[in-house]
Amino acid sequence: MTADQRTDAGKGATAPVAEEATHDLTVASDGHSSSGSQSGVRRFTTDSADGPDFTLGEYDLSERAALRRVAGLSTELTDITEVEYRQLRLERVVLVGVWTTGTLAQAENSMRELARLAETAGSEVLDGLVQRRDRPDPATYIGSGKAKELRDVVDTTGADTVICDGELAPGQLRQLEGVVKVKVVDRTALILDIFAQHARSREGKAQVELAQLQYLVPRLRGWGESLSRQVGGRAANGVGIGGRGPGETKLEIDRRRITARMSKLRKEISGMKTARDVKRSRRDNNQVPSVVLAGYTNAGKSSLLNRLTGAGVLVENALFATLDPTVRRAETSDGRVYTLSDTVGFVRHLPHQLVEAFRSTLEEVAAADLILHVVDASDEDPEAQIKAVREVLADIEALDVPEQIIFNKVDDADAETQLRLRSLVPSALFVSARTGFGLDDLRQLIEERLPRPDRSVVALIPYTRGDLLARIHSDGEVVSEDHTNDGTLISARVRPDLAATLEEFATV
């Protein structure tokens, strides 16, 4: 059977589920996405103008609890031969989410983002389902009945993995796996896997491993007598002597080893943090202002860094392409030096394990003088991006740092979208790192919002003290300069330490 035939068979077999889920609901799609894209747009209409308002929850209980297929998520390849298909060996996944709050459009946007995450991790999305519930089922996330329907979808599509759009408890993972009979991973495990693939530096790999182990510890599990715990007395069904467990079990050994490894990783990361703190203290001693690029993943932060400083860092149209922070020297038009830093991107429901593991790296954001909050102007829900980033900024106590919203990728946003964004954030700046649009305005904005030296001095610097004159030009802001017979008469704004050095030459 070819890939085309399998796809057609899968669609035919799952049609009753879709029909039962929608009833009087008519689903229209602008088209099916090809491999690596989710361009399909789902529109909902009713048979009559007086039909139920699905965004307000005015529909029957059966429809409320139904699994609803999200159109346009499949990335199954249909234009290749069977031999080529078998050689690819991509992990075939089905996505499932629970819509508890917000509108249906927001729920589907979240599922499309999950599909992009799954593709970034190296899998092939076969189908996506979303269910309307007041809250996730505490046992199987989507309820036992819907879990059986999900199993039918998995069997029909030939999927080998189910990815849930949320963080599941260990019991939910175990029970859902028991029903669908394939591997089940949640959104947190998926993001951790992507981080593990993209980590390059020694510190980045240590931070990702620590986050993975923190996620793994409560989810260790085993089966069979070899993993049974110690028993004694009349335990073990009354067997007593001879019925006790084999001492420390494999599960307990694994947990002890993981705990020891986590302790070692924390010490290593702490040592790396010390080195970064030393570098930062040197910049602080020299009072070099710091500007940080922060924002949602794939918003174009690295592209802006390259445009502004010529850093030459990796730029890729992928989620979490940048995990290791990059700091580059930059200079304003009036000669003031500052640092520009690129940071790891954020995402909705960023796992708290990652925030804790990357806290030493994210401290660059909290210690900055200005945060350039980069937002993808072409995204379907930029408001959600801004909210997600600010939630992480709150976690690292960086909300007090001055912030400037930068809408990037305006060349991909139509005029109506730009107008809506301008009304959403009137003070925002619109740029395009690809075309260079608005970059001059961005440089001017950075220059205006950088902290300036706060001491005004007027001094007559002897020609023999050219070193002081050079420091004033490099570290201060020159107001006027005049060369006289006795030396250089200069008026400038400088830092307190330099002002104290210039006191003996002061003329006022």
Protein backbone atom coordinates (compact mmCIF):
# COMPACT_ATOMS: atom_id res chain seq x y z
CA MET A 1 0.00 0.00 0.00
CA THR A 2 1.38 3.40 -0.96
CA ALA A 3 1.45 6.49 1.24
CA ASP A 4 -1.45 7.94 -0.81
CA GLN A 5 -3.52 4.85 -0.19
CA ARG A 6 -2.75 4.80 3.51
CA THR A 7 -3.72 8.44 3.81
CA ASP A 8 -7.01 7.90 1.96
CA ALA A 9 -7.74 4.82 4.04
CA GLY A 10 -6.99 6.71 7.22
CA LYS A 11 -9.34 9.52 6.28
CA GLY A 12 -12.08 7.11 5.37
CA ALA A 13 -11.80 5.13 8.58
CA THR A 14 -11.90 8.13 10.84
CA ALA A 15 -14.80 9.87 9.10
CA PRO A 16 -17.43 8.58 11.56
CA VAL A 17 -15.52 10.15 14.45
CA ALA A 18 -15.43 13.52 12.71
CA GLU A 19 -19.11 13.26 11.77
CA GLU A 20 -20.13 12.38 15.30
CA ALA A 21 -18.03 15.21 16.69
CA THR A 22 -19.52 17.92 14.48
CA HIS A 23 -23.18 16.96 13.90
CA ASP A 24 -24.74 20.11 12.37
CA LEU A 25 -21.34 21.74 12.17
CA THR A 26 -19.99 22.40 8.70
CA VAL A 27 -16.21 22.39 8.36
CA ALA A 28 -14.61 24.28 5.49
CA SER A 29 -10.87 24.32 4.77
CA ASP A 30 -8.91 26.58 2.45
CA GLY A 31 -6.64 23.70 1.62
CA HIS A 32 -4.45 20.96 3.00
CA SER A 33 -0.90 21.79 3.95
CA SER A 34 2.00 20.02 2.37
CA SER A 35 5.04 18.62 4.21
CA GLY A 36 6.41 21.05 6.75
CA SER A 37 3.54 23.58 6.75
CA GLN A 38 0.25 24.15 8.47
CA SER A 39 -1.45 26.57 6.15
CA GLY A 40 -4.94 25.12 6.40
CA VAL A 41 -7.52 27.44 7.95
CA ARG A 42 -10.62 26.01 9.55
CA ARG A 43 -13.86 27.98 9.41
CA PHE A 44 -16.98 27.09 11.34
CA THR A 45 -20.52 27.81 10.14
CA THR A 46 -23.95 26.60 11.17
CA ASP A 47 -26.94 25.62 9.08
CA SER A 48 -29.01 28.55 10.30
CA ALA A 49 -28.46 32.04 11.58
CA ASP A 50 -30.06 31.04 14.90
CA GLY A 51 -27.71 28.11 15.43
CA PRO A 52 -25.68 27.67 18.60
CA ASP A 53 -22.72 29.94 19.31
CA PHE A 54 -19.85 27.49 19.70
CA THR A 55 -17.48 30.14 21.12
CA LEU A 56 -19.83 30.60 24.07
CA GLY A 57 -20.35 26.92 24.78
CA GLU A 58 -24.03 26.87 23.72
CA TYR A 59 -24.18 23.34 22.39
CA ASP A 60 -25.17 19.85 23.51
CA LEU A 61 -23.15 17.87 25.98
CA SER A 62 -22.16 15.28 23.36
CA GLU A 63 -20.85 18.00 21.08
CA ARG A 64 -19.11 19.72 23.98
CA ALA A 65 -17.14 16.57 24.82
CA ALA A 66 -16.47 15.47 21.23
CA LEU A 67 -13.00 15.22 19.74
CA ARG A 68 -12.81 17.84 16.98
CA ARG A 69 -10.37 17.39 14.15
CA VAL A 70 -8.11 20.42 13.59
CA ALA A 71 -7.77 20.95 9.86
CA GLY A 72 -4.46 21.61 8.17
CA LEU A 73 -2.15 19.91 10.67
CA SER A 74 -1.20 16.81 8.71
CA THR A 75 2.32 16.84 7.28
CA GLU A 76 2.18 13.29 5.93
CA LEU A 77 4.16 12.96 2.72
CA THR A 78 2.04 11.76 -0.21
CA ASP A 79 4.25 12.45 -3.24
CA ILE A 80 6.97 9.85 -2.70
CA THR A 81 7.33 6.13 -3.37
CA GLU A 82 6.92 3.41 -0.75
CA VAL A 83 10.66 2.71 -0.68
CA GLU A 84 11.47 6.39 -0.12
CA TYR A 85 8.78 6.55 2.56
CA ARG A 86 10.30 3.64 4.49
CA GLN A 87 13.78 5.17 4.25
CA LEU A 88 12.67 8.41 5.89
CA ARG A 89 11.74 6.70 9.16
CA LEU A 90 10.13 9.82 10.61
CA GLU A 91 8.27 9.40 13.88
CA ARG A 92 4.57 9.44 13.01
CA VAL A 93 2.50 11.36 15.54
CA VAL A 94 -1.09 12.29 16.31
CA LEU A 95 -1.73 15.46 18.30
CA VAL A 96 -4.45 15.83 20.91
CA GLY A 97 -5.42 18.84 22.98
CA VAL A 98 -8.04 19.90 25.52
CA TRP A 99 -9.77 23.24 24.96
CA THR A 100 -10.68 24.55 28.42
CA THR A 101 -10.62 28.35 28.11
CA GLY A 102 -10.56 31.01 25.40
CA THR A 103 -11.94 30.80 21.90
CA LEU A 104 -11.78 27.93 19.46
CA ALA A 105 -9.37 29.96 17.29
CA GLN A 106 -6.94 30.22 20.22
CA ALA A 107 -7.22 26.48 20.86
CA GLU A 108 -6.45 25.70 17.22
CA ASN A 109 -3.54 28.17 17.19
CA SER A 110 -2.10 26.31 20.15
CA MET A 111 -2.46 23.03 18.27
CA ARG A 112 -0.76 24.47 15.18
CA GLU A 113 2.12 25.62 17.35
CA LEU A 114 2.29 22.09 18.81
CA ALA A 115 2.48 20.76 15.25
CA ARG A 116 5.43 23.07 14.51
CA LEU A 117 7.13 21.88 17.69
CA ALA A 118 6.58 18.26 16.65
CA GLU A 119 8.07 18.92 13.21
CA THR A 120 11.05 20.68 14.77
CA ALA A 121 11.62 17.58 16.92
CA GLY A 122 11.76 15.50 13.72
CA SER A 123 8.33 13.92 13.46
CA GLU A 124 5.56 13.72 10.92
CA VAL A 125 2.14 15.00 11.99
CA LEU A 126 -0.65 12.73 10.78
CA ASP A 127 -3.67 14.24 12.52
CA GLY A 128 -4.71 16.69 15.21
CA LEU A 129 -7.70 16.47 17.53
CA VAL A 130 -9.02 18.92 20.12
CA GLN A 131 -11.72 18.28 22.73
CA ARG A 132 -13.85 20.84 24.60
CA ARG A 133 -13.82 20.16 28.33
CA ASP A 134 -14.13 22.20 31.51
CA ARG A 135 -10.82 20.70 32.66
CA PRO A 136 -8.55 17.82 31.58
CA ASP A 137 -9.60 14.40 32.81
CA PRO A 138 -7.51 13.53 35.90
CA ALA A 139 -7.11 9.92 34.73
CA THR A 140 -6.53 9.92 30.96
CA TYR A 141 -6.43 13.66 30.08
CA ILE A 142 -9.31 13.36 27.57
CA GLY A 143 -11.58 10.85 29.30
CA SER A 144 -11.78 7.08 28.89
CA GLY A 145 -14.31 7.14 26.05
CA LYS A 146 -12.41 9.70 23.99
CA ALA A 147 -9.17 7.84 24.72
CA LYS A 148 -10.68 4.80 22.97
CA GLU A 149 -11.66 6.99 20.00
CA LEU A 150 -8.09 8.30 19.95
CA ARG A 151 -6.86 4.70 19.88
CA ASP A 152 -8.97 4.10 16.77
CA VAL A 153 -7.42 7.16 15.10
CA VAL A 154 -3.94 5.91 16.02
CA ASP A 155 -4.67 2.45 14.60
CA THR A 156 -6.11 3.90 11.40
CA THR A 157 -3.30 6.36 10.69
CA GLY A 158 -0.52 4.02 11.74
CA ALA A 159 0.89 6.50 14.26
CA ASP A 160 3.51 5.40 16.76
CA THR A 161 3.30 8.39 19.13
CA VAL A 162 0.61 10.60 20.66
CA ILE A 163 1.59 14.15 21.71
CA CYS A 164 -0.65 15.96 24.20
CA ASP A 165 -0.91 19.75 24.25
CA GLY A 166 -0.24 20.17 27.95
CA GLU A 167 1.85 18.82 30.81
CA LEU A 168 0.44 15.48 31.95
CA ALA A 169 0.82 13.96 35.38
CA PRO A 170 2.71 10.63 35.55
CA GLY A 171 -0.54 8.76 36.15
CA GLN A 172 -2.22 10.39 33.15
CA LEU A 173 0.67 9.41 30.88
CA ARG A 174 0.63 5.82 32.11
CA GLN A 175 -3.14 5.34 31.82
CA LEU A 176 -3.41 7.02 28.40
CA GLU A 177 -0.58 4.84 27.10
CA GLY A 178 -2.44 1.82 28.42
CA VAL A 179 -5.45 2.73 26.27
CA VAL A 180 -3.85 3.88 23.00
CA LYS A 181 -1.06 1.25 23.14
CA VAL A 182 1.60 3.61 21.75
CA LYS A 183 4.07 6.03 23.30
CA VAL A 184 2.50 9.16 24.79
CA VAL A 185 4.50 12.34 25.41
CA ASP A 186 3.32 15.73 26.60
CA ARG A 187 4.20 19.26 25.51
CA THR A 188 6.89 19.57 28.18
CA ALA A 189 8.74 16.44 27.07
CA LEU A 190 8.52 17.61 23.45
CA ILE A 191 10.09 20.99 24.21
CA LEU A 192 12.80 19.35 26.31
CA ASP A 193 13.60 17.06 23.39
CA ILE A 194 13.97 20.03 21.03
CA PHE A 195 16.27 21.76 23.51
CA ALA A 196 18.38 18.60 23.76
CA GLN A 197 18.77 18.52 19.96
CA HIS A 198 19.77 22.18 19.68
CA ALA A 199 22.10 22.59 22.67
CA ARG A 200 25.66 23.20 21.49
CA SER A 201 27.73 24.71 24.30
CA ARG A 202 28.84 22.81 27.40
CA GLU A 203 26.65 24.98 29.59
CA GLY A 204 23.63 24.63 27.32
CA LYS A 205 23.91 20.84 27.32
CA ALA A 206 24.23 20.77 31.11
CA GLN A 207 21.18 23.02 31.54
CA VAL A 208 19.05 20.89 29.21
CA GLU A 209 20.15 17.65 30.88
CA LEU A 210 19.29 19.06 34.30
CA ALA A 211 15.83 20.08 33.07
CA GLN A 212 15.25 16.63 31.56
CA LEU A 213 16.24 14.87 34.77
CA GLN A 214 13.98 17.14 36.85
CA TYR A 215 11.12 16.17 34.54
CA LEU A 216 12.04 12.47 34.63
CA VAL A 217 12.36 11.87 38.39
CA PRO A 218 8.63 11.83 39.25
CA ARG A 219 7.92 9.80 36.11
CA LEU A 220 10.24 6.87 36.76
CA ARG A 221 8.29 3.67 36.60
CA GLY A 222 8.80 -0.04 36.18
CA TRP A 223 6.89 -3.26 35.78
CA GLY A 224 7.23 -6.76 37.12
CA GLU A 225 8.70 -8.45 40.19
CA SER A 226 12.24 -7.22 39.43
CA LEU A 227 11.09 -3.70 40.28
CA SER A 228 9.02 -4.55 43.36
CA ARG A 229 9.88 -2.78 46.60
CA GLN A 230 11.20 -4.43 49.74
CA VAL A 231 8.59 -6.19 51.87
CA GLY A 232 8.69 -7.87 55.25
CA GLY A 233 6.66 -9.63 57.94
CA ARG A 234 3.35 -10.87 56.59
CA ALA A 235 3.61 -8.77 53.46
CA ALA A 236 3.86 -10.23 49.96
CA ASN A 237 0.49 -12.01 50.29
CA GLY A 238 1.47 -13.49 53.61
CA VAL A 239 4.56 -15.29 52.32
CA GLY A 240 6.74 -13.72 55.03
CA ILE A 241 10.27 -15.20 55.16
CA GLY A 242 11.55 -15.75 51.66
CA GLY A 243 9.02 -13.39 50.15
CA ARG A 244 10.92 -10.18 50.73
CA GLY A 245 12.05 -8.02 47.82
CA PRO A 246 15.58 -8.21 46.37
CA GLY A 247 16.88 -5.28 48.45
CA GLU A 248 17.38 -1.97 46.71
CA THR A 249 15.38 -2.22 43.50
CA LYS A 250 16.34 -1.05 40.04
CA LEU A 251 13.83 1.79 40.30
CA GLU A 252 15.41 3.01 43.52
CA ILE A 253 18.91 2.70 42.06
CA ASP A 254 17.87 4.76 39.04
CA ARG A 255 16.35 7.44 41.24
CA ARG A 256 19.48 7.62 43.40
CA ARG A 257 21.76 7.89 40.36
CA ILE A 258 19.61 10.59 38.80
CA THR A 259 19.63 12.58 42.03
CA ALA A 260 23.43 12.35 42.19
CA ARG A 261 23.72 13.41 38.55
CA MET A 262 21.43 16.40 39.12
CA SER A 263 23.58 17.51 42.06
CA LYS A 264 26.70 17.31 39.89
CA LEU A 265 25.06 19.27 37.08
CA ARG A 266 23.95 22.02 39.47
CA LYS A 267 27.54 22.39 40.69
CA GLU A 268 28.84 22.59 37.11
CA ILE A 269 26.25 25.18 36.12
CA SER A 270 27.03 27.17 39.26
CA GLY A 271 30.71 27.23 38.27
CA MET A 272 29.82 28.44 34.77
CA LYS A 273 27.57 31.08 36.29
CA THR A 274 30.54 32.38 38.30
CA ALA A 275 32.53 32.89 35.11
CA ARG A 276 29.63 34.76 33.52
CA ASP A 277 29.19 36.89 36.63
CA VAL A 278 32.86 37.89 36.44
CA LYS A 279 32.46 39.04 32.84
CA ARG A 280 29.28 40.92 33.72
CA SER A 281 30.93 42.59 36.72
CA ARG A 282 33.72 43.83 34.47
CA ARG A 283 31.16 45.42 32.19
CA ASP A 284 29.37 46.86 35.21
CA ASN A 285 32.62 48.30 36.58
CA ASN A 286 33.19 49.97 33.25
CA GLN A 287 29.52 50.96 33.33
CA VAL A 288 28.87 49.63 29.85
CA PRO A 289 25.09 49.73 29.22
CA SER A 290 23.43 46.43 28.34
CA VAL A 291 20.62 45.88 25.81
CA VAL A 292 18.96 42.45 25.56
CA LEU A 293 16.91 40.95 22.72
CA ALA A 294 14.14 38.87 24.30
CA GLY A 295 10.96 37.44 22.87
CA TYR A 296 9.06 34.47 21.51
CA THR A 297 10.92 31.70 19.76
CA ASN A 298 11.46 32.28 16.02
CA ALA A 299 10.53 35.97 16.31
CA GLY A 300 13.78 37.01 14.57
CA LYS A 301 16.02 37.99 17.50
CA SER A 302 19.19 36.49 16.04
CA SER A 303 18.52 38.14 12.68
CA LEU A 304 18.23 41.52 14.39
CA LEU A 305 21.47 40.88 16.31
CA ASN A 306 23.26 40.13 13.04
CA ARG A 307 21.82 43.23 11.40
CA LEU A 308 22.78 45.55 14.26
CA THR A 309 26.23 44.16 15.10
CA GLY A 310 27.31 41.81 12.29
CA ALA A 311 27.54 39.02 14.88
CA GLY A 312 27.18 36.19 12.35
CA VAL A 313 25.19 33.93 14.70
CA LEU A 314 23.04 31.07 13.42
CA VAL A 315 19.79 32.21 11.81
CA GLU A 316 17.27 29.49 11.05
CA ASN A 317 13.53 29.44 10.46
CA ALA A 318 13.01 26.96 13.28
CA LEU A 319 11.79 26.95 16.85
CA PHE A 320 14.51 27.27 19.50
CA ALA A 321 17.38 27.59 17.00
CA THR A 322 19.20 29.72 19.62
CA LEU A 323 19.82 28.28 23.07
CA ASP A 324 23.22 29.73 23.95
CA PRO A 325 23.32 33.47 24.72
CA THR A 326 25.45 35.67 22.47
CA VAL A 327 26.83 39.04 23.61
CA ARG A 328 28.25 41.51 21.08
CA ARG A 329 29.74 44.98 21.36
CA ALA A 330 27.83 47.82 19.69
CA GLU A 331 28.23 51.58 19.46
CA THR A 332 25.85 54.51 19.13
CA SER A 333 26.26 57.25 16.54
CA ASP A 334 27.76 59.56 19.19
CA GLY A 335 30.39 56.99 20.20
CA ARG A 336 28.82 55.44 23.33
CA VAL A 337 29.60 51.73 23.71
CA TYR A 338 26.97 49.19 24.81
CA THR A 339 26.46 45.43 24.67
CA LEU A 340 23.68 43.72 22.70
CA SER A 341 22.70 40.20 23.84
CA ASP A 342 20.69 37.49 22.12
CA THR A 343 18.82 35.12 24.43
CA VAL A 344 16.88 31.86 24.27
CA GLY A 345 13.37 32.25 22.91
CA PHE A 346 10.27 31.72 25.00
CA VAL A 347 7.08 29.84 24.21
CA ARG A 348 3.61 29.41 25.66
CA HIS A 349 3.66 27.14 28.71
CA LEU A 350 7.46 27.08 28.79
CA PRO A 351 8.32 24.19 31.14
CA HIS A 352 9.23 25.43 34.60
CA GLN A 353 12.12 22.96 34.61
CA LEU A 354 13.69 24.90 31.73
CA VAL A 355 13.16 28.26 33.43
CA GLU A 356 14.94 26.95 36.53
CA ALA A 357 17.75 25.27 34.59
CA PHE A 358 18.33 28.31 32.36
CA ARG A 359 17.97 30.82 35.20
CA SER A 360 21.69 31.64 35.21
CA THR A 361 21.49 32.40 31.48
CA LEU A 362 18.25 34.36 31.78
CA GLU A 363 19.82 36.57 34.43
CA GLU A 364 21.33 38.48 31.50
CA VAL A 365 17.81 39.74 30.84
CA ALA A 366 17.13 40.75 34.44
CA ALA A 367 20.46 42.64 34.64
CA ALA A 368 19.92 44.60 31.39
CA ASP A 369 19.36 48.34 31.07
CA LEU A 370 16.86 47.88 28.22
CA ILE A 371 14.86 44.91 26.92
CA LEU A 372 14.02 44.88 23.23
CA HIS A 373 10.93 42.65 23.27
CA VAL A 374 10.81 41.18 19.75
CA VAL A 375 7.40 40.01 18.49
CA ASP A 376 6.58 38.24 15.23
CA ALA A 377 4.20 40.62 13.43
CA SER A 378 3.14 37.87 11.00
CA ASP A 379 2.01 35.50 13.76
CA GLU A 380 -1.70 34.68 14.02
CA ASP A 381 -1.83 35.59 17.72
CA PRO A 382 0.89 38.13 18.65
CA GLU A 383 -1.01 39.10 21.81
CA ALA A 384 -0.50 35.58 23.16
CA GLN A 385 3.21 35.84 22.32
CA ILE A 386 3.55 39.05 24.32
CA LYS A 387 1.67 37.53 27.27
CA ALA A 388 3.82 34.37 27.28
CA VAL A 389 7.07 36.35 27.22
CA ARG A 390 5.99 38.63 30.04
CA GLU A 391 5.05 35.62 32.16
CA VAL A 392 8.63 34.34 31.85
CA LEU A 393 10.01 37.82 32.54
CA ALA A 394 7.97 37.82 35.73
CA ASP A 395 9.44 34.43 36.71
CA ILE A 396 12.99 35.79 36.43
CA GLU A 397 12.05 39.10 38.11
CA ALA A 398 12.76 41.23 35.05
CA LEU A 399 9.49 43.17 34.79
CA ASP A 400 11.12 46.27 36.28
CA VAL A 401 13.63 46.54 33.42
CA PRO A 402 12.61 49.15 30.77
CA GLU A 403 10.97 47.37 27.84
CA GLN A 404 10.44 48.33 24.19
CA ILE A 405 8.14 46.27 21.94
CA ILE A 406 9.65 45.60 18.50
CA PHE A 407 7.35 44.07 15.86
CA ASN A 408 9.64 42.19 13.47
CA LYS A 409 8.79 40.56 10.10
CA VAL A 410 6.47 43.39 9.06
CA ASP A 411 7.24 42.51 5.45
CA ASP A 412 5.13 39.36 6.00
CA ALA A 413 2.23 41.23 7.68
CA ASP A 414 -0.50 42.90 5.63
CA ALA A 415 -1.63 46.50 6.16
CA GLU A 416 -4.70 45.50 8.17
CA THR A 417 -2.57 43.42 10.58
CA GLN A 418 -0.10 46.26 11.03
CA LEU A 419 -2.93 48.67 11.77
CA ARG A 420 -4.31 46.33 14.43
CA LEU A 421 -0.86 45.93 16.00
CA ARG A 422 -0.35 49.71 16.09
CA SER A 423 -3.60 50.06 18.01
CA LEU A 424 -2.57 47.19 20.30
CA VAL A 425 0.84 48.72 21.20
CA PRO A 426 0.96 52.39 20.11
CA SER A 427 4.57 52.83 21.27
CA ALA A 428 5.86 49.80 19.35
CA LEU A 429 8.47 50.00 16.62
CA PHE A 430 7.97 48.13 13.32
CA VAL A 431 11.03 46.64 11.63
CA SER A 432 12.10 43.90 9.24
CA ALA A 433 15.44 42.22 9.84
CA ARG A 434 15.25 40.64 6.39
CA THR A 435 14.72 43.82 4.35
CA GLY A 436 16.30 46.33 6.76
CA PHE A 437 13.10 48.35 7.12
CA GLY A 438 13.01 50.41 10.32
CA LEU A 439 16.51 49.49 11.51
CA ASP A 440 17.70 53.11 11.49
CA ASP A 441 14.75 54.01 13.72
CA LEU A 442 15.67 51.08 15.99
CA ARG A 443 19.27 52.28 16.33
CA GLN A 444 18.04 55.78 17.16
CA LEU A 445 15.62 54.39 19.74
CA ILE A 446 18.41 52.42 21.44
CA GLU A 447 20.57 55.54 21.50
CA GLU A 448 17.79 57.59 23.09
CA ARG A 449 16.84 55.00 25.73
CA LEU A 450 20.34 54.02 26.84
CA PRO A 451 21.28 55.40 30.26
CA ARG A 452 23.45 58.50 29.93
CA PRO A 453 26.34 59.67 32.18
CA ASP A 454 24.91 61.86 34.94
CA ARG A 455 27.80 64.18 35.94
CA SER A 456 28.42 67.42 34.00
CA VAL A 457 32.04 68.62 34.00
CA VAL A 458 33.99 71.42 32.35
CA ALA A 459 37.73 70.79 32.42
CA LEU A 460 40.94 72.04 30.83
CA ILE A 461 42.89 68.91 29.96
CA PRO A 462 46.65 69.37 29.37
CA TYR A 463 47.95 68.08 26.08
CA THR A 464 50.14 65.69 28.07
CA ARG A 465 47.01 63.91 29.40
CA GLY A 466 45.64 62.54 26.17
CA ASP A 467 44.60 59.42 28.06
CA LEU A 468 41.98 61.39 30.00
CA LEU A 469 40.69 62.96 26.81
CA ALA A 470 40.35 59.50 25.26
CA ARG A 471 38.40 58.23 28.30
CA ILE A 472 36.00 61.16 28.09
CA HIS A 473 35.32 60.38 24.43
CA SER A 474 34.93 56.63 24.98
CA ASP A 475 33.03 56.57 28.28
CA GLY A 476 31.30 59.96 28.37
CA GLU A 477 29.18 62.25 26.24
CA VAL A 478 31.03 65.29 24.85
CA VAL A 479 29.00 68.50 24.77
CA SER A 480 31.69 70.85 23.41
CA GLU A 481 35.41 70.79 22.82
CA ASP A 482 37.89 73.62 22.17
CA HIS A 483 41.67 73.49 21.74
CA THR A 484 43.48 76.37 23.51
CA ASN A 485 47.10 77.26 24.14
CA ASP A 486 47.02 75.60 27.58
CA GLY A 487 45.19 72.44 26.61
CA THR A 488 41.80 71.11 25.53
CA LEU A 489 38.79 72.82 27.10
CA ILE A 490 36.05 70.23 27.16
CA SER A 491 32.47 70.16 28.45
CA ALA A 492 31.04 66.69 28.88
CA ARG A 493 28.76 64.39 30.83
CA VAL A 494 30.67 61.55 32.49
CA ARG A 495 30.30 58.84 35.14
CA PRO A 496 31.00 59.64 38.80
CA ASP A 497 34.38 57.83 38.88
CA LEU A 498 35.67 59.75 35.86
CA ALA A 499 34.28 63.02 37.24
CA ALA A 500 36.35 62.49 40.39
CA THR A 501 39.49 61.99 38.30
CA LEU A 502 38.82 65.23 36.38
CA GLU A 503 38.32 67.37 39.48
CA GLU A 504 41.92 68.70 39.48
CA PHE A 505 41.43 69.99 35.93
CA ALA A 506 37.96 71.43 36.46
CA THR A 507 37.49 75.07 35.52
CA VAL A 508 34.09 75.60 37.10
